[in-house]
């Protein structure tokens, strides 16, 4: 006989049915969310569950429904980035808010090395989750193809870069448009030597924001200067190193578009160390509008992307569309907007 940790008998499905005055099958239908139960009966069953303290056997339920009620969020970065980059905190917050409303569990994991990708792929392909959300994908990430071959429903946060075919379910922001907006603002302020610290060129966000920068310079009749384009890695230290390389090469920009707030903060630090004033000598614009943008010195002009909403849309798309398979494909693109502060 199954007993709780304190020695008392653990409530069973039959005990719930007896308390509610219904059959065992009716209790199962209520637990599994069936609509084929009257509201009055559903309330009676739920009251009996609450009174008895009954907890369904999740393993047995999974065998019947073939659902785990668990969704994985995989961030393809090293673990330390998860806790230092506020972008990921907003994604997690958005995703978890939707899953909480639907009584679904969130499994959060990171995977960047080959061994981590293999281990994560093995686990997610083993029927442990109902679907997966993939964020911060790089060109060499094997997970999308691995999960597609295993039949795991997947929603991508951003279109995978340089893949043979577009992903089926994607939520992204208008990175090209955001890059153009930032560059247009700097050019419009009268700056002609507009530099950029781009994002990684093995990621679609990095590629698209750089493309927006180039397009806007072309629109303004300014020839891009390769010496004013330095690649970063979306981190504070990466932004600082990129700014140092640019200045050490003898390049003195009048403005810098950094493709993330983290890199912009690193660039601000180096400019200050080199005795350059912001924005008097060099104007700086970031991308994201993270909390650090408001508290940097000076406060950072930036392109706001709705990261938390992106997380919500990803979770909604997975639960409502990808897992049920009600559409062959769907993409959502969210707008960005300029937020002007003292750095530009």
C-alpha atoms as a PDB file:
ATOM      1  CA  UNK A   1       0.000   0.000   0.000  1.00  0.00           C
ATOM      2  CA  UNK A   2       1.412   3.383  -1.012  1.00  0.00           C
ATOM      3  CA  UNK A   3       2.007   5.716   1.908  1.00  0.00           C
ATOM      4  CA  UNK A   4       3.160   9.303   2.340  1.00  0.00           C
ATOM      5  CA  UNK A   5       6.413  10.198   4.084  1.00  0.00           C
ATOM      6  CA  UNK A   6       4.579  10.540   7.419  1.00  0.00           C
ATOM      7  CA  UNK A   7       3.188   7.002   7.193  1.00  0.00           C
ATOM      8  CA  UNK A   8      -0.333   7.920   6.151  1.00  0.00           C
ATOM      9  CA  UNK A   9      -1.956   6.203   3.184  1.00  0.00           C
ATOM     10  CA  UNK A  10      -1.456   8.175  -0.028  1.00  0.00           C
ATOM     11  CA  UNK A  11      -4.776   9.205  -1.652  1.00  0.00           C
ATOM     12  CA  UNK A  12      -5.627   7.216  -4.774  1.00  0.00           C
ATOM     13  CA  UNK A  13      -7.686   7.895  -7.869  1.00  0.00           C
ATOM     14  CA  UNK A  14     -10.381   5.563  -6.519  1.00  0.00           C
ATOM     15  CA  UNK A  15     -10.573   7.513  -3.242  1.00  0.00           C
ATOM     16  CA  UNK A  16     -11.048  10.760  -5.178  1.00  0.00           C
ATOM     17  CA  UNK A  17     -13.778   9.155  -7.292  1.00  0.00           C
ATOM     18  CA  UNK A  18     -15.575   7.895  -4.178  1.00  0.00           C
ATOM     19  CA  UNK A  19     -15.380  11.284  -2.452  1.00  0.00           C
ATOM     20  CA  UNK A  20     -16.686  13.088  -5.562  1.00  0.00           C
ATOM     21  CA  UNK A  21     -19.405  10.494  -6.233  1.00  0.00           C
ATOM     22  CA  UNK A  22     -18.205   9.772  -9.789  1.00  0.00           C
ATOM     23  CA  UNK A  23     -16.425   7.011 -11.652  1.00  0.00           C
ATOM     24  CA  UNK A  24     -12.666   6.566 -11.877  1.00  0.00           C
ATOM     25  CA  UNK A  25     -12.694   7.452 -15.576  1.00  0.00           C
ATOM     26  CA  UNK A  26     -14.385  10.770 -14.855  1.00  0.00           C
ATOM     27  CA  UNK A  27     -11.628  11.700 -12.414  1.00  0.00           C
ATOM     28  CA  UNK A  28      -9.010  10.849 -15.059  1.00  0.00           C
ATOM     29  CA  UNK A  29     -10.753  13.040 -17.629  1.00  0.00           C
ATOM     30  CA  UNK A  30     -10.802  16.000 -15.224  1.00  0.00           C
ATOM     31  CA  UNK A  31      -7.114  15.567 -14.381  1.00  0.00           C
ATOM     32  CA  UNK A  32      -6.176  15.368 -18.058  1.00  0.00           C
ATOM     33  CA  UNK A  33      -8.165  18.503 -18.947  1.00  0.00           C
ATOM     34  CA  UNK A  34     -10.920  16.860 -20.979  1.00  0.00           C
ATOM     35  CA  UNK A  35     -13.845  19.086 -21.944  1.00  0.00           C
ATOM     36  CA  UNK A  36     -16.241  16.117 -21.851  1.00  0.00           C
ATOM     37  CA  UNK A  37     -17.106  16.738 -18.206  1.00  0.00           C
ATOM     38  CA  UNK A  38     -19.800  19.087 -16.906  1.00  0.00           C
ATOM     39  CA  UNK A  39     -18.658  22.132 -14.919  1.00  0.00           C
ATOM     40  CA  UNK A  40     -20.524  20.841 -11.847  1.00  0.00           C
ATOM     41  CA  UNK A  41     -18.806  17.453 -11.981  1.00  0.00           C
ATOM     42  CA  UNK A  42     -15.421  19.049 -12.665  1.00  0.00           C
ATOM     43  CA  UNK A  43     -15.818  21.223  -9.566  1.00  0.00           C
ATOM     44  CA  UNK A  44     -16.789  18.216  -7.434  1.00  0.00           C
ATOM     45  CA  UNK A  45     -13.697  16.306  -8.566  1.00  0.00           C
ATOM     46  CA  UNK A  46     -11.389  19.246  -7.968  1.00  0.00           C
ATOM     47  CA  UNK A  47     -12.839  19.753  -4.499  1.00  0.00           C
ATOM     48  CA  UNK A  48     -12.251  16.078  -3.705  1.00  0.00           C
ATOM     49  CA  UNK A  49      -8.666  16.318  -4.963  1.00  0.00           C
ATOM     50  CA  UNK A  50      -8.056  19.355  -2.739  1.00  0.00           C
ATOM     51  CA  UNK A  51      -9.678  17.790   0.329  1.00  0.00           C
ATOM     52  CA  UNK A  52      -7.736  14.545   0.027  1.00  0.00           C
ATOM     53  CA  UNK A  53      -4.456  16.132  -1.061  1.00  0.00           C
ATOM     54  CA  UNK A  54      -4.314  13.868  -4.110  1.00  0.00           C
ATOM     55  CA  UNK A  55      -1.342  14.232  -6.483  1.00  0.00           C
ATOM     56  CA  UNK A  56      -1.494  12.462  -9.873  1.00  0.00           C
ATOM     57  CA  UNK A  57       1.233   9.982 -10.708  1.00  0.00           C
ATOM     58  CA  UNK A  58       3.079  11.956 -13.373  1.00  0.00           C
ATOM     59  CA  UNK A  59       4.834   8.916 -14.833  1.00  0.00           C
ATOM     60  CA  UNK A  60       1.567   7.038 -15.297  1.00  0.00           C
ATOM     61  CA  UNK A  61      -0.097  10.140 -16.708  1.00  0.00           C
ATOM     62  CA  UNK A  62       2.691  10.557 -19.236  1.00  0.00           C
ATOM     63  CA  UNK A  63       2.202   6.962 -20.432  1.00  0.00           C
ATOM     64  CA  UNK A  64      -1.480   7.642 -21.062  1.00  0.00           C
ATOM     65  CA  UNK A  65      -1.316  11.140 -22.568  1.00  0.00           C
ATOM     66  CA  UNK A  66       2.192  10.928 -24.080  1.00  0.00           C
ATOM     67  CA  UNK A  67       2.708  14.427 -22.665  1.00  0.00           C
ATOM     68  CA  UNK A  68       5.272  15.447 -20.061  1.00  0.00           C
ATOM     69  CA  UNK A  69       3.880  18.960 -19.489  1.00  0.00           C
ATOM     70  CA  UNK A  70       7.500  20.162 -19.640  1.00  0.00           C
ATOM     71  CA  UNK A  71       9.086  22.597 -22.094  1.00  0.00           C
ATOM     72  CA  UNK A  72      12.848  23.061 -22.497  1.00  0.00           C
ATOM     73  CA  UNK A  73      14.503  26.443 -22.991  1.00  0.00           C
ATOM     74  CA  UNK A  74      18.000  25.919 -24.402  1.00  0.00           C
ATOM     75  CA  UNK A  75      20.404  28.878 -24.414  1.00  0.00           C
ATOM     76  CA  UNK A  76      23.347  28.169 -26.702  1.00  0.00           C
ATOM     77  CA  UNK A  77      25.926  30.055 -24.672  1.00  0.00           C
ATOM     78  CA  UNK A  78      28.382  29.223 -21.921  1.00  0.00           C
ATOM     79  CA  UNK A  79      26.755  29.004 -18.498  1.00  0.00           C
ATOM     80  CA  UNK A  80      28.298  32.222 -17.146  1.00  0.00           C
ATOM     81  CA  UNK A  81      26.579  34.275 -19.883  1.00  0.00           C
ATOM     82  CA  UNK A  82      23.191  33.130 -18.600  1.00  0.00           C
ATOM     83  CA  UNK A  83      23.753  34.964 -15.316  1.00  0.00           C
ATOM     84  CA  UNK A  84      25.577  38.061 -16.574  1.00  0.00           C
ATOM     85  CA  UNK A  85      23.542  39.082 -19.638  1.00  0.00           C
ATOM     86  CA  UNK A  86      20.139  40.619 -18.743  1.00  0.00           C
ATOM     87  CA  UNK A  87      18.813  39.642 -22.190  1.00  0.00           C
ATOM     88  CA  UNK A  88      18.493  36.033 -21.061  1.00  0.00           C
ATOM     89  CA  UNK A  89      16.754  36.972 -17.804  1.00  0.00           C
ATOM     90  CA  UNK A  90      14.056  38.768 -19.818  1.00  0.00           C
ATOM     91  CA  UNK A  91      13.653  35.787 -22.153  1.00  0.00           C
ATOM     92  CA  UNK A  92      13.240  33.437 -19.171  1.00  0.00           C
ATOM     93  CA  UNK A  93      10.736  35.773 -17.542  1.00  0.00           C
ATOM     94  CA  UNK A  94       8.610  35.977 -20.690  1.00  0.00           C
ATOM     95  CA  UNK A  95       8.679  32.234 -21.326  1.00  0.00           C
ATOM     96  CA  UNK A  96       7.936  31.263 -17.735  1.00  0.00           C
ATOM     97  CA  UNK A  97       4.981  33.663 -17.478  1.00  0.00           C
ATOM     98  CA  UNK A  98       3.184  31.876 -20.324  1.00  0.00           C
ATOM     99  CA  UNK A  99       4.048  28.378 -19.121  1.00  0.00           C
ATOM    100  CA  UNK A 100       2.880  29.202 -15.589  1.00  0.00           C
ATOM    101  CA  UNK A 101      -0.533  30.230 -16.899  1.00  0.00           C
ATOM    102  CA  UNK A 102      -0.856  26.831 -18.595  1.00  0.00           C
ATOM    103  CA  UNK A 103       0.458  24.680 -15.731  1.00  0.00           C
ATOM    104  CA  UNK A 104       3.551  23.695 -17.715  1.00  0.00           C
ATOM    105  CA  UNK A 105       7.044  23.192 -16.300  1.00  0.00           C
ATOM    106  CA  UNK A 106      10.168  24.936 -17.594  1.00  0.00           C
ATOM    107  CA  UNK A 107      13.449  23.080 -18.032  1.00  0.00           C
ATOM    108  CA  UNK A 108      16.282  25.603 -18.456  1.00  0.00           C
ATOM    109  CA  UNK A 109      19.657  24.511 -19.788  1.00  0.00           C
ATOM    110  CA  UNK A 110      22.712  25.899 -21.577  1.00  0.00           C
ATOM    111  CA  UNK A 111      24.750  24.183 -24.280  1.00  0.00           C
ATOM    112  CA  UNK A 112      27.776  25.579 -26.078  1.00  0.00           C
ATOM    113  CA  UNK A 113      30.455  22.885 -26.266  1.00  0.00           C
ATOM    114  CA  UNK A 114      30.187  19.837 -28.502  1.00  0.00           C
ATOM    115  CA  UNK A 115      29.729  17.567 -25.486  1.00  0.00           C
ATOM    116  CA  UNK A 116      26.971  19.794 -24.054  1.00  0.00           C
ATOM    117  CA  UNK A 117      25.142  19.857 -27.374  1.00  0.00           C
ATOM    118  CA  UNK A 118      25.330  16.071 -27.647  1.00  0.00           C
ATOM    119  CA  UNK A 119      24.118  15.511 -24.097  1.00  0.00           C
ATOM    120  CA  UNK A 120      21.286  18.032 -24.466  1.00  0.00           C
ATOM    121  CA  UNK A 121      20.244  16.579 -27.803  1.00  0.00           C
ATOM    122  CA  UNK A 122      20.152  13.057 -26.356  1.00  0.00           C
ATOM    123  CA  UNK A 123      17.973  14.163 -23.460  1.00  0.00           C
ATOM    124  CA  UNK A 124      15.508  16.290 -25.448  1.00  0.00           C
ATOM    125  CA  UNK A 125      15.144  13.568 -28.080  1.00  0.00           C
ATOM    126  CA  UNK A 126      14.257  10.998 -25.408  1.00  0.00           C
ATOM    127  CA  UNK A 127      10.614  12.033 -24.869  1.00  0.00           C
ATOM    128  CA  UNK A 128      11.447  13.992 -21.714  1.00  0.00           C
ATOM    129  CA  UNK A 129       9.876  17.233 -22.989  1.00  0.00           C
ATOM    130  CA  UNK A 130       6.911  18.190 -25.148  1.00  0.00           C
ATOM    131  CA  UNK A 131       8.892  20.797 -27.083  1.00  0.00           C
ATOM    132  CA  UNK A 132      11.918  23.077 -27.019  1.00  0.00           C
ATOM    133  CA  UNK A 133      12.713  26.777 -27.325  1.00  0.00           C
ATOM    134  CA  UNK A 134      16.144  27.552 -28.784  1.00  0.00           C
ATOM    135  CA  UNK A 135      17.830  30.907 -28.099  1.00  0.00           C
ATOM    136  CA  UNK A 136      21.164  32.487 -29.096  1.00  0.00           C
ATOM    137  CA  UNK A 137      21.922  29.988 -31.842  1.00  0.00           C
ATOM    138  CA  UNK A 138      25.301  30.019 -33.581  1.00  0.00           C
ATOM    139  CA  UNK A 139      26.145  28.752 -37.038  1.00  0.00           C
ATOM    140  CA  UNK A 140      27.722  25.548 -35.693  1.00  0.00           C
ATOM    141  CA  UNK A 141      24.843  24.562 -33.374  1.00  0.00           C
ATOM    142  CA  UNK A 142      23.745  20.986 -34.192  1.00  0.00           C
ATOM    143  CA  UNK A 143      20.614  21.053 -32.019  1.00  0.00           C
ATOM    144  CA  UNK A 144      18.057  22.343 -34.563  1.00  0.00           C
ATOM    145  CA  UNK A 145      18.720  19.526 -37.035  1.00  0.00           C
ATOM    146  CA  UNK A 146      19.016  16.925 -34.277  1.00  0.00           C
ATOM    147  CA  UNK A 147      15.658  17.864 -32.762  1.00  0.00           C
ATOM    148  CA  UNK A 148      13.950  18.104 -36.151  1.00  0.00           C
ATOM    149  CA  UNK A 149      15.094  14.599 -37.022  1.00  0.00           C
ATOM    150  CA  UNK A 150      13.779  13.359 -33.660  1.00  0.00           C
ATOM    151  CA  UNK A 151      10.384  14.984 -34.243  1.00  0.00           C
ATOM    152  CA  UNK A 152      10.660  17.357 -31.263  1.00  0.00           C
ATOM    153  CA  UNK A 153       8.545  20.532 -31.789  1.00  0.00           C
ATOM    154  CA  UNK A 154      10.883  23.545 -31.741  1.00  0.00           C
ATOM    155  CA  UNK A 155      10.484  27.322 -31.770  1.00  0.00           C
ATOM    156  CA  UNK A 156      13.553  29.425 -32.550  1.00  0.00           C
ATOM    157  CA  UNK A 157      14.361  32.759 -30.962  1.00  0.00           C
ATOM    158  CA  UNK A 158      15.781  34.291 -34.127  1.00  0.00           C
ATOM    159  CA  UNK A 159      16.266  32.615 -37.480  1.00  0.00           C
ATOM    160  CA  UNK A 160      19.226  30.195 -37.398  1.00  0.00           C
ATOM    161  CA  UNK A 161      22.142  31.657 -39.349  1.00  0.00           C
ATOM    162  CA  UNK A 162      23.314  30.097 -42.630  1.00  0.00           C
ATOM    163  CA  UNK A 163      21.034  27.039 -42.474  1.00  0.00           C
ATOM    164  CA  UNK A 164      19.995  25.151 -45.586  1.00  0.00           C
ATOM    165  CA  UNK A 165      16.354  26.083 -45.055  1.00  0.00           C
ATOM    166  CA  UNK A 166      14.457  28.485 -42.788  1.00  0.00           C
ATOM    167  CA  UNK A 167      13.189  27.200 -39.457  1.00  0.00           C
ATOM    168  CA  UNK A 168       9.481  26.392 -39.324  1.00  0.00           C
ATOM    169  CA  UNK A 169       8.588  28.343 -36.187  1.00  0.00           C
ATOM    170  CA  UNK A 170      10.479  31.552 -35.413  1.00  0.00           C
ATOM    171  CA  UNK A 171      10.071  34.621 -33.218  1.00  0.00           C
ATOM    172  CA  UNK A 172      12.516  37.405 -34.018  1.00  0.00           C
ATOM    173  CA  UNK A 173      12.955  41.163 -33.823  1.00  0.00           C
ATOM    174  CA  UNK A 174      13.587  43.475 -36.757  1.00  0.00           C
ATOM    175  CA  UNK A 175      17.369  43.489 -36.371  1.00  0.00           C
ATOM    176  CA  UNK A 176      18.027  45.013 -39.800  1.00  0.00           C
ATOM    177  CA  UNK A 177      15.554  47.802 -39.099  1.00  0.00           C
ATOM    178  CA  UNK A 178      17.021  48.363 -35.640  1.00  0.00           C
ATOM    179  CA  UNK A 179      20.533  48.653 -37.069  1.00  0.00           C
ATOM    180  CA  UNK A 180      19.278  51.162 -39.613  1.00  0.00           C
ATOM    181  CA  UNK A 181      17.478  53.195 -36.941  1.00  0.00           C
ATOM    182  CA  UNK A 182      20.598  53.470 -34.767  1.00  0.00           C
ATOM    183  CA  UNK A 183      22.826  54.438 -37.691  1.00  0.00           C
ATOM    184  CA  UNK A 184      20.290  56.910 -39.093  1.00  0.00           C
ATOM    185  CA  UNK A 185      20.118  58.661 -35.736  1.00  0.00           C
ATOM    186  CA  UNK A 186      23.903  59.038 -35.536  1.00  0.00           C
ATOM    187  CA  UNK A 187      24.220  60.240 -39.136  1.00  0.00           C
ATOM    188  CA  UNK A 188      21.335  62.633 -38.554  1.00  0.00           C
ATOM    189  CA  UNK A 189      23.208  64.194 -35.644  1.00  0.00           C
ATOM    190  CA  UNK A 190      25.876  65.341 -38.083  1.00  0.00           C
ATOM    191  CA  UNK A 191      28.430  62.570 -37.460  1.00  0.00           C
ATOM    192  CA  UNK A 192      30.058  61.278 -40.654  1.00  0.00           C
ATOM    193  CA  UNK A 193      32.613  58.813 -39.263  1.00  0.00           C
ATOM    194  CA  UNK A 194      30.119  56.348 -37.807  1.00  0.00           C
ATOM    195  CA  UNK A 195      31.715  53.132 -36.580  1.00  0.00           C
ATOM    196  CA  UNK A 196      30.084  49.916 -35.447  1.00  0.00           C
ATOM    197  CA  UNK A 197      30.972  47.169 -33.010  1.00  0.00           C
ATOM    198  CA  UNK A 198      29.047  44.360 -34.642  1.00  0.00           C
ATOM    199  CA  UNK A 199      27.665  41.250 -33.039  1.00  0.00           C
ATOM    200  CA  UNK A 200      29.168  37.811 -33.797  1.00  0.00           C
ATOM    201  CA  UNK A 201      28.960  37.056 -37.498  1.00  0.00           C
ATOM    202  CA  UNK A 202      27.983  33.438 -36.849  1.00  0.00           C
ATOM    203  CA  UNK A 203      24.653  34.627 -35.420  1.00  0.00           C
ATOM    204  CA  UNK A 204      21.720  36.030 -37.388  1.00  0.00           C
ATOM    205  CA  UNK A 205      21.285  38.987 -35.008  1.00  0.00           C
ATOM    206  CA  UNK A 206      24.925  39.997 -35.481  1.00  0.00           C
ATOM    207  CA  UNK A 207      24.711  39.669 -39.250  1.00  0.00           C
ATOM    208  CA  UNK A 208      21.404  41.525 -39.555  1.00  0.00           C
ATOM    209  CA  UNK A 209      22.345  44.483 -37.336  1.00  0.00           C
ATOM    210  CA  UNK A 210      25.540  44.952 -39.334  1.00  0.00           C
ATOM    211  CA  UNK A 211      23.516  44.765 -42.557  1.00  0.00           C
ATOM    212  CA  UNK A 212      21.236  47.519 -41.238  1.00  0.00           C
ATOM    213  CA  UNK A 213      24.266  49.682 -40.439  1.00  0.00           C
ATOM    214  CA  UNK A 214      25.668  49.227 -43.954  1.00  0.00           C
ATOM    215  CA  UNK A 215      22.318  49.888 -45.637  1.00  0.00           C
ATOM    216  CA  UNK A 216      21.792  53.139 -43.756  1.00  0.00           C
ATOM    217  CA  UNK A 217      25.284  54.431 -44.533  1.00  0.00           C
ATOM    218  CA  UNK A 218      24.654  53.653 -48.200  1.00  0.00           C
ATOM    219  CA  UNK A 219      21.326  55.489 -48.012  1.00  0.00           C
ATOM    220  CA  UNK A 220      23.154  58.514 -46.573  1.00  0.00           C
ATOM    221  CA  UNK A 221      25.797  58.410 -49.300  1.00  0.00           C
ATOM    222  CA  UNK A 222      28.592  57.435 -46.892  1.00  0.00           C
ATOM    223  CA  UNK A 223      31.029  54.750 -48.040  1.00  0.00           C
ATOM    224  CA  UNK A 224      31.566  52.146 -45.277  1.00  0.00           C
ATOM    225  CA  UNK A 225      35.121  52.160 -43.876  1.00  0.00           C
ATOM    226  CA  UNK A 226      36.269  48.647 -42.951  1.00  0.00           C
ATOM    227  CA  UNK A 227      38.525  50.169 -40.303  1.00  0.00           C
ATOM    228  CA  UNK A 228      35.427  51.413 -38.501  1.00  0.00           C
ATOM    229  CA  UNK A 229      33.812  47.957 -38.388  1.00  0.00           C
ATOM    230  CA  UNK A 230      35.045  45.657 -35.606  1.00  0.00           C
ATOM    231  CA  UNK A 231      33.383  42.433 -34.526  1.00  0.00           C
ATOM    232  CA  UNK A 232      32.411  41.864 -30.890  1.00  0.00           C
ATOM    233  CA  UNK A 233      30.709  39.047 -29.000  1.00  0.00           C
ATOM    234  CA  UNK A 234      27.720  40.747 -27.262  1.00  0.00           C
ATOM    235  CA  UNK A 235      29.636  40.970 -23.939  1.00  0.00           C
ATOM    236  CA  UNK A 236      31.010  43.955 -21.993  1.00  0.00           C
ATOM    237  CA  UNK A 237      34.595  42.718 -22.337  1.00  0.00           C
ATOM    238  CA  UNK A 238      34.065  41.970 -26.021  1.00  0.00           C
ATOM    239  CA  UNK A 239      32.854  45.526 -26.583  1.00  0.00           C
ATOM    240  CA  UNK A 240      35.840  46.931 -24.701  1.00  0.00           C
ATOM    241  CA  UNK A 241      38.314  44.845 -26.713  1.00  0.00           C
ATOM    242  CA  UNK A 242      36.683  45.892 -29.982  1.00  0.00           C
ATOM    243  CA  UNK A 243      36.851  49.582 -29.027  1.00  0.00           C
ATOM    244  CA  UNK A 244      40.500  49.214 -28.063  1.00  0.00           C
ATOM    245  CA  UNK A 245      41.342  47.544 -31.399  1.00  0.00           C
ATOM    246  CA  UNK A 246      39.645  50.336 -33.310  1.00  0.00           C
ATOM    247  CA  UNK A 247      41.459  53.125 -31.448  1.00  0.00           C
ATOM    248  CA  UNK A 248      44.804  51.297 -31.438  1.00  0.00           C
ATOM    249  CA  UNK A 249      44.531  51.034 -35.231  1.00  0.00           C
ATOM    250  CA  UNK A 250      44.409  54.825 -35.416  1.00  0.00           C
ATOM    251  CA  UNK A 251      40.695  54.996 -36.145  1.00  0.00           C
ATOM    252  CA  UNK A 252      38.939  57.876 -34.386  1.00  0.00           C
ATOM    253  CA  UNK A 253      35.175  57.635 -34.952  1.00  0.00           C
ATOM    254  CA  UNK A 254      32.756  60.452 -34.346  1.00  0.00           C
ATOM    255  CA  UNK A 255      30.098  57.948 -33.323  1.00  0.00           C
ATOM    256  CA  UNK A 256      29.787  54.246 -32.514  1.00  0.00           C
ATOM    257  CA  UNK A 257      26.814  51.945 -32.976  1.00  0.00           C
ATOM    258  CA  UNK A 258      27.385  48.969 -30.685  1.00  0.00           C
ATOM    259  CA  UNK A 259      25.131  46.028 -31.564  1.00  0.00           C
ATOM    260  CA  UNK A 260      24.292  45.363 -27.893  1.00  0.00           C
ATOM    261  CA  UNK A 261      24.092  47.389 -24.704  1.00  0.00           C
ATOM    262  CA  UNK A 262      26.681  45.118 -23.099  1.00  0.00           C
ATOM    263  CA  UNK A 263      29.218  45.971 -25.808  1.00  0.00           C
ATOM    264  CA  UNK A 264      28.259  49.645 -25.664  1.00  0.00           C
ATOM    265  CA  UNK A 265      29.039  49.725 -21.933  1.00  0.00           C
ATOM    266  CA  UNK A 266      32.452  48.193 -22.638  1.00  0.00           C
ATOM    267  CA  UNK A 267      33.053  50.791 -25.354  1.00  0.00           C
ATOM    268  CA  UNK A 268      32.076  53.635 -22.984  1.00  0.00           C
ATOM    269  CA  UNK A 269      34.642  52.424 -20.462  1.00  0.00           C
ATOM    270  CA  UNK A 270      37.472  52.415 -23.005  1.00  0.00           C
ATOM    271  CA  UNK A 271      36.539  55.814 -24.433  1.00  0.00           C
ATOM    272  CA  UNK A 272      36.615  57.272 -20.933  1.00  0.00           C
ATOM    273  CA  UNK A 273      40.002  55.655 -20.222  1.00  0.00           C
ATOM    274  CA  UNK A 274      41.378  57.171 -23.454  1.00  0.00           C
ATOM    275  CA  UNK A 275      40.226  60.657 -22.444  1.00  0.00           C
ATOM    276  CA  UNK A 276      37.408  60.886 -25.000  1.00  0.00           C
ATOM    277  CA  UNK A 277      34.150  62.498 -23.913  1.00  0.00           C
ATOM    278  CA  UNK A 278      30.744  60.982 -24.655  1.00  0.00           C
ATOM    279  CA  UNK A 279      28.850  62.363 -26.477  1.00  0.00           C
ATOM    280  CA  UNK A 280      30.955  65.491 -27.140  1.00  0.00           C
ATOM    281  CA  UNK A 281      33.844  63.623 -28.829  1.00  0.00           C
ATOM    282  CA  UNK A 282      32.180  60.297 -29.631  1.00  0.00           C
ATOM    283  CA  UNK A 283      28.444  59.570 -29.590  1.00  0.00           C
ATOM    284  CA  UNK A 284      27.466  56.006 -28.631  1.00  0.00           C
ATOM    285  CA  UNK A 285      24.279  54.053 -29.340  1.00  0.00           C
ATOM    286  CA  UNK A 286      23.568  50.526 -28.104  1.00  0.00           C
ATOM    287  CA  UNK A 287      20.946  47.893 -28.835  1.00  0.00           C
ATOM    288  CA  UNK A 288      18.557  46.126 -26.384  1.00  0.00           C
ATOM    289  CA  UNK A 289      17.570  48.751 -23.773  1.00  0.00           C
ATOM    290  CA  UNK A 290      18.595  46.584 -20.843  1.00  0.00           C
ATOM    291  CA  UNK A 291      18.504  48.059 -17.295  1.00  0.00           C
ATOM    292  CA  UNK A 292      22.234  48.813 -17.519  1.00  0.00           C
ATOM    293  CA  UNK A 293      21.514  51.250 -20.352  1.00  0.00           C
ATOM    294  CA  UNK A 294      19.744  53.537 -17.890  1.00  0.00           C
ATOM    295  CA  UNK A 295      22.513  53.293 -15.294  1.00  0.00           C
ATOM    296  CA  UNK A 296      25.618  53.539 -17.497  1.00  0.00           C
ATOM    297  CA  UNK A 297      27.775  56.678 -17.438  1.00  0.00           C
ATOM    298  CA  UNK A 298      26.411  58.528 -19.334  1.00  0.00           C
ATOM    299  CA  UNK A 299      22.973  56.851 -19.680  1.00  0.00           C
ATOM    300  CA  UNK A 300      22.895  55.002 -22.970  1.00  0.00           C
ATOM    301  CA  UNK A 301      20.926  55.920 -26.063  1.00  0.00           C
ATOM    302  CA  UNK A 302      19.830  52.582 -27.468  1.00  0.00           C
ATOM    303  CA  UNK A 303      17.468  50.625 -29.692  1.00  0.00           C
ATOM    304  CA  UNK A 304      14.831  48.904 -27.592  1.00  0.00           C
ATOM    305  CA  UNK A 305      13.875  45.372 -28.506  1.00  0.00           C
ATOM    306  CA  UNK A 306      10.922  43.777 -26.642  1.00  0.00           C
ATOM    307  CA  UNK A 307      12.845  40.824 -25.192  1.00  0.00           C
ATOM    308  CA  UNK A 308      10.310  39.746 -22.580  1.00  0.00           C
ATOM    309  CA  UNK A 309       7.557  39.835 -25.185  1.00  0.00           C
ATOM    310  CA  UNK A 310       9.782  37.756 -27.446  1.00  0.00           C
ATOM    311  CA  UNK A 311       9.936  35.096 -24.726  1.00  0.00           C
ATOM    312  CA  UNK A 312       6.162  35.175 -24.331  1.00  0.00           C
ATOM    313  CA  UNK A 313       5.601  34.868 -28.080  1.00  0.00           C
ATOM    314  CA  UNK A 314       8.025  31.957 -28.307  1.00  0.00           C
ATOM    315  CA  UNK A 315       6.236  30.052 -25.543  1.00  0.00           C
ATOM    316  CA  UNK A 316       2.816  30.842 -27.000  1.00  0.00           C
ATOM    317  CA  UNK A 317       3.858  29.726 -30.472  1.00  0.00           C
ATOM    318  CA  UNK A 318       5.273  26.462 -29.129  1.00  0.00           C
ATOM    319  CA  UNK A 319       2.246  25.597 -27.002  1.00  0.00           C
ATOM    320  CA  UNK A 320      -0.488  26.757 -29.379  1.00  0.00           C
ATOM    321  CA  UNK A 321       1.004  25.991 -32.784  1.00  0.00           C
ATOM    322  CA  UNK A 322       4.193  23.899 -32.877  1.00  0.00           C
ATOM    323  CA  UNK A 323       3.258  21.164 -30.373  1.00  0.00           C
ATOM    324  CA  UNK A 324      -0.301  20.673 -31.707  1.00  0.00           C
ATOM    325  CA  UNK A 325       1.037  21.007 -35.270  1.00  0.00           C
ATOM    326  CA  UNK A 326      -1.897  23.147 -36.360  1.00  0.00           C
ATOM    327  CA  UNK A 327       0.172  25.066 -38.934  1.00  0.00           C
ATOM    328  CA  UNK A 328       3.002  24.083 -41.218  1.00  0.00           C
ATOM    329  CA  UNK A 329       5.066  27.141 -40.279  1.00  0.00           C
ATOM    330  CA  UNK A 330       4.752  30.561 -38.674  1.00  0.00           C
ATOM    331  CA  UNK A 331       7.077  33.479 -38.039  1.00  0.00           C
ATOM    332  CA  UNK A 332       6.613  36.481 -35.768  1.00  0.00           C
ATOM    333  CA  UNK A 333       8.771  39.605 -36.180  1.00  0.00           C
ATOM    334  CA  UNK A 334       8.668  42.243 -33.432  1.00  0.00           C
ATOM    335  CA  UNK A 335       9.424  45.926 -33.974  1.00  0.00           C
ATOM    336  CA  UNK A 336      12.229  47.915 -32.340  1.00  0.00           C
ATOM    337  CA  UNK A 337      12.306  51.595 -31.399  1.00  0.00           C
ATOM    338  CA  UNK A 338      14.831  54.249 -30.476  1.00  0.00           C
ATOM    339  CA  UNK A 339      15.297  55.356 -26.856  1.00  0.00           C
ATOM    340  CA  UNK A 340      17.307  58.596 -26.629  1.00  0.00           C
ATOM    341  CA  UNK A 341      19.448  59.329 -23.573  1.00  0.00           C
ATOM    342  CA  UNK A 342      22.648  61.256 -22.896  1.00  0.00           C
ATOM    343  CA  UNK A 343      25.243  59.129 -24.748  1.00  0.00           C
ATOM    344  CA  UNK A 344      24.082  60.379 -28.161  1.00  0.00           C
END
